[in-house]
Amino acid sequence: MFIFALIANATYVGSILVRSTEWSKIKANLPWLLDAAACVALDAFIVMQYVYYRYLRRRTDDVEYYGDYSEANKSQVS
């Protein structure tokens, strides 16, 4: 569903720009144009984050990373 909202906003922006390139026509639709363009930009940012965290960021080790936490074992405890 999310991708359909992204496509709908992108086609809405495109339809406003394709209908007329005269400044007077664009100026009248500028609030809606900017709103839809901002939605497209934010949706694209969310999609890029999803792709990055789902596919591009690979861990080389199989151990889960917990920051500076290291598991204590009895040999370290005196």
PDB file of N, CA and C in Angstrom:
ATOM      1  N   MET A   1       0.820  -1.196   0.000  1.00  0.00           N
ATOM      2  CA  MET A   1       0.000   0.000   0.000  1.00  0.00           C
ATOM      3  C   MET A   1       0.866   1.263   0.000  1.00  0.00           C
ATOM      4  N   PHE A   2       1.979   1.192   0.703  1.00  0.00           N
ATOM      5  CA  PHE A   2       2.845   2.364   0.802  1.00  0.00           C
ATOM      6  C   PHE A   2       3.368   2.774  -0.570  1.00  0.00           C
ATOM      7  N   ILE A   3       3.750   1.798  -1.356  1.00  0.00           N
ATOM      8  CA  ILE A   3       4.306   2.114  -2.673  1.00  0.00           C
ATOM      9  C   ILE A   3       3.249   2.742  -3.577  1.00  0.00           C
ATOM     10  N   PHE A   4       1.981   2.360  -3.381  1.00  0.00           N
ATOM     11  CA  PHE A   4       0.916   2.958  -4.182  1.00  0.00           C
ATOM     12  C   PHE A   4       0.717   4.430  -3.826  1.00  0.00           C
ATOM     13  N   ALA A   5       0.869   4.777  -2.566  1.00  0.00           N
ATOM     14  CA  ALA A   5       0.783   6.185  -2.161  1.00  0.00           C
ATOM     15  C   ALA A   5       1.931   6.985  -2.781  1.00  0.00           C
ATOM     16  N   LEU A   6       3.098   6.407  -2.815  1.00  0.00           N
ATOM     17  CA  LEU A   6       4.255   7.061  -3.440  1.00  0.00           C
ATOM     18  C   LEU A   6       4.017   7.271  -4.936  1.00  0.00           C
ATOM     19  N   ILE A   7       3.515   6.258  -5.610  1.00  0.00           N
ATOM     20  CA  ILE A   7       3.240   6.374  -7.039  1.00  0.00           C
ATOM     21  C   ILE A   7       2.144   7.401  -7.303  1.00  0.00           C
ATOM     22  N   ALA A   8       1.107   7.403  -6.460  1.00  0.00           N
ATOM     23  CA  ALA A   8       0.002   8.349  -6.643  1.00  0.00           C
ATOM     24  C   ALA A   8       0.477   9.790  -6.492  1.00  0.00           C
ATOM     25  N   ASN A   9       1.285  10.058  -5.490  1.00  0.00           N
ATOM     26  CA  ASN A   9       1.795  11.418  -5.305  1.00  0.00           C
ATOM     27  C   ASN A   9       2.709  11.825  -6.457  1.00  0.00           C
ATOM     28  N   ALA A  10       3.519  10.902  -6.928  1.00  0.00           N
ATOM     29  CA  ALA A  10       4.418  11.215  -8.041  1.00  0.00           C
ATOM     30  C   ALA A  10       3.629  11.504  -9.320  1.00  0.00           C
ATOM     31  N   THR A  11       2.585  10.727  -9.577  1.00  0.00           N
ATOM     32  CA  THR A  11       1.788  10.990 -10.775  1.00  0.00           C
ATOM     33  C   THR A  11       0.972  12.272 -10.630  1.00  0.00           C
ATOM     34  N   TYR A  12       0.584  12.621  -9.410  1.00  0.00           N
ATOM     35  CA  TYR A  12      -0.138  13.874  -9.189  1.00  0.00           C
ATOM     36  C   TYR A  12       0.760  15.072  -9.508  1.00  0.00           C
ATOM     37  N   VAL A  13       1.995  15.024  -9.029  1.00  0.00           N
ATOM     38  CA  VAL A  13       2.955  16.087  -9.338  1.00  0.00           C
ATOM     39  C   VAL A  13       3.189  16.152 -10.846  1.00  0.00           C
ATOM     40  N   GLY A  14       3.353  14.991 -11.452  1.00  0.00           N
ATOM     41  CA  GLY A  14       3.564  14.956 -12.893  1.00  0.00           C
ATOM     42  C   GLY A  14       2.383  15.500 -13.680  1.00  0.00           C
ATOM     43  N   SER A  15       1.169  15.201 -13.220  1.00  0.00           N
ATOM     44  CA  SER A  15      -0.011  15.683 -13.945  1.00  0.00           C
ATOM     45  C   SER A  15      -0.142  17.199 -13.872  1.00  0.00           C
ATOM     46  N   ILE A  16       0.223  17.783 -12.754  1.00  0.00           N
ATOM     47  CA  ILE A  16       0.178  19.245 -12.637  1.00  0.00           C
ATOM     48  C   ILE A  16       1.211  19.878 -13.564  1.00  0.00           C
ATOM     49  N   LEU A  17       2.396  19.302 -13.616  1.00  0.00           N
ATOM     50  CA  LEU A  17       3.463  19.869 -14.440  1.00  0.00           C
ATOM     51  C   LEU A  17       3.252  19.620 -15.926  1.00  0.00           C
ATOM     52  N   VAL A  18       2.629  18.507 -16.284  1.00  0.00           N
ATOM     53  CA  VAL A  18       2.416  18.194 -17.699  1.00  0.00           C
ATOM     54  C   VAL A  18       1.251  18.989 -18.268  1.00  0.00           C
ATOM     55  N   ARG A  19       0.255  19.258 -17.443  1.00  0.00           N
ATOM     56  CA  ARG A  19      -0.930  19.967 -17.924  1.00  0.00           C
ATOM     57  C   ARG A  19      -0.562  21.324 -18.513  1.00  0.00           C
ATOM     58  N   SER A  20       0.283  22.062 -17.828  1.00  0.00           N
ATOM     59  CA  SER A  20       0.698  23.360 -18.339  1.00  0.00           C
ATOM     60  C   SER A  20       2.010  23.754 -17.683  1.00  0.00           C
ATOM     61  N   THR A  21       2.890  24.353 -18.461  1.00  0.00           N
ATOM     62  CA  THR A  21       4.155  24.827 -17.919  1.00  0.00           C
ATOM     63  C   THR A  21       4.170  26.338 -17.744  1.00  0.00           C
ATOM     64  N   GLU A  22       3.021  26.962 -17.935  1.00  0.00           N
ATOM     65  CA  GLU A  22       2.941  28.403 -17.720  1.00  0.00           C
ATOM     66  C   GLU A  22       2.989  28.699 -16.231  1.00  0.00           C
ATOM     67  N   TRP A  23       3.734  29.733 -15.870  1.00  0.00           N
ATOM     68  CA  TRP A  23       3.910  30.073 -14.461  1.00  0.00           C
ATOM     69  C   TRP A  23       2.583  30.418 -13.788  1.00  0.00           C
ATOM     70  N   SER A  24       1.670  31.060 -14.497  1.00  0.00           N
ATOM     71  CA  SER A  24       0.388  31.432 -13.891  1.00  0.00           C
ATOM     72  C   SER A  24      -0.415  30.189 -13.494  1.00  0.00           C
ATOM     73  N   LYS A  25      -0.346  29.141 -14.278  1.00  0.00           N
ATOM     74  CA  LYS A  25      -1.049  27.889 -13.957  1.00  0.00           C
ATOM     75  C   LYS A  25      -0.352  27.150 -12.822  1.00  0.00           C
ATOM     76  N   ILE A  26       0.973  27.123 -12.855  1.00  0.00           N
ATOM     77  CA  ILE A  26       1.728  26.444 -11.793  1.00  0.00           C
ATOM     78  C   ILE A  26       1.585  27.203 -10.477  1.00  0.00           C
ATOM     79  N   LYS A  27       1.600  28.525 -10.557  1.00  0.00           N
ATOM     80  CA  LYS A  27       1.487  29.347  -9.350  1.00  0.00           C
ATOM     81  C   LYS A  27       0.160  29.098  -8.638  1.00  0.00           C
ATOM     82  N   ALA A  28      -0.908  28.906  -9.390  1.00  0.00           N
ATOM     83  CA  ALA A  28      -2.207  28.644  -8.785  1.00  0.00           C
ATOM     84  C   ALA A  28      -2.239  27.291  -8.078  1.00  0.00           C
ATOM     85  N   ASN A  29      -1.480  26.340  -8.563  1.00  0.00           N
ATOM     86  CA  ASN A  29      -1.450  24.991  -7.983  1.00  0.00           C
ATOM     87  C   ASN A  29      -0.232  24.745  -7.100  1.00  0.00           C
ATOM     88  N   LEU A  30       0.531  25.777  -6.824  1.00  0.00           N
ATOM     89  CA  LEU A  30       1.788  25.617  -6.088  1.00  0.00           C
ATOM     90  C   LEU A  30       1.628  24.999  -4.693  1.00  0.00           C
ATOM     91  N   PRO A  31       0.637  25.365  -3.887  1.00  0.00           N
ATOM     92  CA  PRO A  31       0.516  24.717  -2.577  1.00  0.00           C
ATOM     93  C   PRO A  31       0.332  23.204  -2.676  1.00  0.00           C
ATOM     94  N   TRP A  32      -0.507  22.756  -3.612  1.00  0.00           N
ATOM     95  CA  TRP A  32      -0.734  21.329  -3.782  1.00  0.00           C
ATOM     96  C   TRP A  32       0.479  20.652  -4.394  1.00  0.00           C
ATOM     97  N   LEU A  33       1.132  21.362  -5.283  1.00  0.00           N
ATOM     98  CA  LEU A  33       2.326  20.823  -5.918  1.00  0.00           C
ATOM     99  C   LEU A  33       3.442  20.616  -4.900  1.00  0.00           C
ATOM    100  N   LEU A  34       3.668  21.600  -4.060  1.00  0.00           N
ATOM    101  CA  LEU A  34       4.711  21.483  -3.033  1.00  0.00           C
ATOM    102  C   LEU A  34       4.366  20.408  -2.012  1.00  0.00           C
ATOM    103  N   ASP A  35       3.093  20.317  -1.636  1.00  0.00           N
ATOM    104  CA  ASP A  35       2.672  19.293  -0.683  1.00  0.00           C
ATOM    105  C   ASP A  35       2.929  17.897  -1.245  1.00  0.00           C
ATOM    106  N   ALA A  36       2.525  17.663  -2.477  1.00  0.00           N
ATOM    107  CA  ALA A  36       2.716  16.357  -3.088  1.00  0.00           C
ATOM    108  C   ALA A  36       4.204  16.069  -3.318  1.00  0.00           C
ATOM    109  N   ALA A  37       4.967  17.078  -3.717  1.00  0.00           N
ATOM    110  CA  ALA A  37       6.409  16.880  -3.934  1.00  0.00           C
ATOM    111  C   ALA A  37       7.127  16.568  -2.629  1.00  0.00           C
ATOM    112  N   ALA A  38       6.719  17.229  -1.549  1.00  0.00           N
ATOM    113  CA  ALA A  38       7.324  16.932  -0.245  1.00  0.00           C
ATOM    114  C   ALA A  38       6.977  15.520   0.199  1.00  0.00           C
ATOM    115  N   CYS A  39       5.750  15.089  -0.046  1.00  0.00           N
ATOM    116  CA  CYS A  39       5.363  13.712   0.287  1.00  0.00           C
ATOM    117  C   CYS A  39       6.169  12.702  -0.513  1.00  0.00           C
ATOM    118  N   VAL A  40       6.382  12.982  -1.784  1.00  0.00           N
ATOM    119  CA  VAL A  40       7.191  12.086  -2.619  1.00  0.00           C
ATOM    120  C   VAL A  40       8.615  12.013  -2.085  1.00  0.00           C
ATOM    121  N   ALA A  41       9.186  13.147  -1.710  1.00  0.00           N
ATOM    122  CA  ALA A  41      10.557  13.164  -1.194  1.00  0.00           C
ATOM    123  C   ALA A  41      10.659  12.385   0.121  1.00  0.00           C
ATOM    124  N   LEU A  42       9.718  12.588   1.024  1.00  0.00           N
ATOM    125  CA  LEU A  42       9.755  11.868   2.303  1.00  0.00           C
ATOM    126  C   LEU A  42       9.503  10.373   2.112  1.00  0.00           C
ATOM    127  N   ASP A  43       8.586  10.026   1.226  1.00  0.00           N
ATOM    128  CA  ASP A  43       8.332   8.614   0.950  1.00  0.00           C
ATOM    129  C   ASP A  43       9.544   7.953   0.310  1.00  0.00           C
ATOM    130  N   ALA A  44      10.204   8.663  -0.578  1.00  0.00           N
ATOM    131  CA  ALA A  44      11.420   8.123  -1.201  1.00  0.00           C
ATOM    132  C   ALA A  44      12.522   7.925  -0.164  1.00  0.00           C
ATOM    133  N   PHE A  45      12.610   8.832   0.794  1.00  0.00           N
ATOM    134  CA  PHE A  45      13.594   8.686   1.862  1.00  0.00           C
ATOM    135  C   PHE A  45      13.309   7.440   2.706  1.00  0.00           C
ATOM    136  N   ILE A  46      12.046   7.185   2.986  1.00  0.00           N
ATOM    137  CA  ILE A  46      11.669   5.997   3.755  1.00  0.00           C
ATOM    138  C   ILE A  46      11.992   4.726   2.966  1.00  0.00           C
ATOM    139  N   VAL A  47      11.724   4.736   1.677  1.00  0.00           N
ATOM    140  CA  VAL A  47      12.030   3.578   0.844  1.00  0.00           C
ATOM    141  C   VAL A  47      13.540   3.347   0.798  1.00  0.00           C
ATOM    142  N   MET A  48      14.320   4.411   0.693  1.00  0.00           N
ATOM    143  CA  MET A  48      15.787   4.264   0.687  1.00  0.00           C
ATOM    144  C   MET A  48      16.286   3.684   2.007  1.00  0.00           C
ATOM    145  N   GLN A  49      15.702   4.119   3.127  1.00  0.00           N
ATOM    146  CA  GLN A  49      16.090   3.551   4.416  1.00  0.00           C
ATOM    147  C   GLN A  49      15.748   2.066   4.484  1.00  0.00           C
ATOM    148  N   TYR A  50      14.579   1.709   3.993  1.00  0.00           N
ATOM    149  CA  TYR A  50      14.180   0.302   3.998  1.00  0.00           C
ATOM    150  C   TYR A  50      15.157  -0.535   3.188  1.00  0.00           C
ATOM    151  N   VAL A  51      15.485  -0.085   1.985  1.00  0.00           N
ATOM    152  CA  VAL A  51      16.414  -0.824   1.135  1.00  0.00           C
ATOM    153  C   VAL A  51      17.783  -0.920   1.798  1.00  0.00           C
ATOM    154  N   TYR A  52      18.232   0.160   2.394  1.00  0.00           N
ATOM    155  CA  TYR A  52      19.550   0.154   3.039  1.00  0.00           C
ATOM    156  C   TYR A  52      19.596  -0.852   4.185  1.00  0.00           C
ATOM    157  N   TYR A  53      18.639  -0.775   5.086  1.00  0.00           N
ATOM    158  CA  TYR A  53      18.676  -1.646   6.256  1.00  0.00           C
ATOM    159  C   TYR A  53      18.265  -3.082   5.936  1.00  0.00           C
ATOM    160  N   ARG A  54      17.514  -3.291   4.892  1.00  0.00           N
ATOM    161  CA  ARG A  54      17.068  -4.641   4.552  1.00  0.00           C
ATOM    162  C   ARG A  54      18.089  -5.373   3.702  1.00  0.00           C
ATOM    163  N   TYR A  55      18.706  -4.687   2.746  1.00  0.00           N
ATOM    164  CA  TYR A  55      19.535  -5.389   1.767  1.00  0.00           C
ATOM    165  C   TYR A  55      21.000  -4.973   1.750  1.00  0.00           C
ATOM    166  N   LEU A  56      21.304  -3.715   1.992  1.00  0.00           N
ATOM    167  CA  LEU A  56      22.672  -3.249   1.777  1.00  0.00           C
ATOM    168  C   LEU A  56      23.571  -3.378   2.999  1.00  0.00           C
ATOM    169  N   ARG A  57      23.017  -3.254   4.174  1.00  0.00           N
ATOM    170  CA  ARG A  57      23.843  -3.325   5.370  1.00  0.00           C
ATOM    171  C   ARG A  57      23.991  -4.772   5.792  1.00  0.00           C
ATOM    172  N   ARG A  58      25.139  -5.306   5.566  1.00  0.00           N
ATOM    173  CA  ARG A  58      25.405  -6.711   5.891  1.00  0.00           C
ATOM    174  C   ARG A  58      26.388  -6.769   7.058  1.00  0.00           C
ATOM    175  N   ARG A  59      26.117  -7.663   7.950  1.00  0.00           N
ATOM    176  CA  ARG A  59      27.052  -7.913   9.062  1.00  0.00           C
ATOM    177  C   ARG A  59      28.030  -8.995   8.634  1.00  0.00           C
ATOM    178  N   THR A  60      29.288  -8.798   8.944  1.00  0.00           N
ATOM    179  CA  THR A  60      30.282  -9.806   8.594  1.00  0.00           C
ATOM    180  C   THR A  60      30.318 -10.927   9.617  1.00  0.00           C
ATOM    181  N   ASP A  61      29.937 -10.620  10.827  1.00  0.00           N
ATOM    182  CA  ASP A  61      29.924 -11.649  11.863  1.00  0.00           C
ATOM    183  C   ASP A  61      28.478 -12.059  12.157  1.00  0.00           C
ATOM    184  N   ASP A  62      28.311 -13.254  12.677  1.00  0.00           N
ATOM    185  CA  ASP A  62      26.981 -13.760  12.979  1.00  0.00           C
ATOM    186  C   ASP A  62      26.533 -13.393  14.390  1.00  0.00           C
ATOM    187  N   VAL A  63      27.402 -12.764  15.166  1.00  0.00           N
ATOM    188  CA  VAL A  63      27.074 -12.388  16.532  1.00  0.00           C
ATOM    189  C   VAL A  63      26.294 -11.084  16.507  1.00  0.00           C
ATOM    190  N   GLU A  64      25.246 -11.009  17.319  1.00  0.00           N
ATOM    191  CA  GLU A  64      24.484  -9.770  17.391  1.00  0.00           C
ATOM    192  C   GLU A  64      25.297  -8.709  18.108  1.00  0.00           C
ATOM    193  N   TYR A  65      25.178  -7.488  17.658  1.00  0.00           N
ATOM    194  CA  TYR A  65      25.945  -6.380  18.190  1.00  0.00           C
ATOM    195  C   TYR A  65      25.115  -5.626  19.215  1.00  0.00           C
ATOM    196  N   TYR A  66      25.647  -5.479  20.430  1.00  0.00           N
ATOM    197  CA  TYR A  66      24.947  -4.777  21.501  1.00  0.00           C
ATOM    198  C   TYR A  66      25.730  -3.566  22.000  1.00  0.00           C
ATOM    199  N   GLY A  67      26.470  -2.919  21.147  1.00  0.00           N
ATOM    200  CA  GLY A  67      27.220  -1.743  21.556  1.00  0.00           C
ATOM    201  C   GLY A  67      28.478  -2.129  22.314  1.00  0.00           C
ATOM    202  N   ASP A  68      28.720  -1.496  23.448  1.00  0.00           N
ATOM    203  CA  ASP A  68      29.913  -1.770  24.249  1.00  0.00           C
ATOM    204  C   ASP A  68      29.727  -2.937  25.206  1.00  0.00           C
ATOM    205  N   TYR A  69      28.594  -3.569  25.169  1.00  0.00           N
ATOM    206  CA  TYR A  69      28.308  -4.686  26.064  1.00  0.00           C
ATOM    207  C   TYR A  69      29.158  -5.874  25.696  1.00  0.00           C
ATOM    208  N   SER A  70      29.835  -6.442  26.672  1.00  0.00           N
ATOM    209  CA  SER A  70      30.546  -7.692  26.450  1.00  0.00           C
ATOM    210  C   SER A  70      30.100  -8.675  27.518  1.00  0.00           C
ATOM    211  N   GLU A  71      29.882  -9.886  27.107  1.00  0.00           N
ATOM    212  CA  GLU A  71      29.365 -10.885  28.027  1.00  0.00           C
ATOM    213  C   GLU A  71      30.469 -11.312  28.983  1.00  0.00           C
ATOM    214  N   ALA A  72      30.136 -11.353  30.238  1.00  0.00           N
ATOM    215  CA  ALA A  72      31.095 -11.747  31.261  1.00  0.00           C
ATOM    216  C   ALA A  72      31.140 -13.275  31.339  1.00  0.00           C
ATOM    217  N   ASN A  73      32.348 -13.763  31.548  1.00  0.00           N
ATOM    218  CA  ASN A  73      32.465 -15.208  31.835  1.00  0.00           C
ATOM    219  C   ASN A  73      33.294 -15.361  33.096  1.00  0.00           C
ATOM    220  N   LYS A  74      33.334 -16.524  33.645  1.00  0.00           N
ATOM    221  CA  LYS A  74      33.961 -16.722  34.962  1.00  0.00           C
ATOM    222  C   LYS A  74      35.453 -16.508  34.939  1.00  0.00           C
ATOM    223  N   SER A  75      36.104 -16.628  33.805  1.00  0.00           N
ATOM    224  CA  SER A  75      37.554 -16.420  33.773  1.00  0.00           C
ATOM    225  C   SER A  75      37.902 -14.953  33.938  1.00  0.00           C
ATOM    226  N   GLN A  76      36.990 -14.035  33.612  1.00  0.00           N
ATOM    227  CA  GLN A  76      37.247 -12.602  33.749  1.00  0.00           C
ATOM    228  C   GLN A  76      36.933 -12.103  35.154  1.00  0.00           C
ATOM    229  N   VAL A  77      36.097 -12.816  35.888  1.00  0.00           N
ATOM    230  CA  VAL A  77      35.686 -12.388  37.223  1.00  0.00           C
ATOM    231  C   VAL A  77      36.673 -12.941  38.230  1.00  0.00           C
ATOM    232  N   SER A  78      37.190 -12.069  39.122  1.00  0.00           N
ATOM    233  CA  SER A  78      38.156 -12.563  40.099  1.00  0.00           C
ATOM    234  C   SER A  78      37.546 -12.822  41.443  1.00  0.00           C
TER     235      SER A  78
END
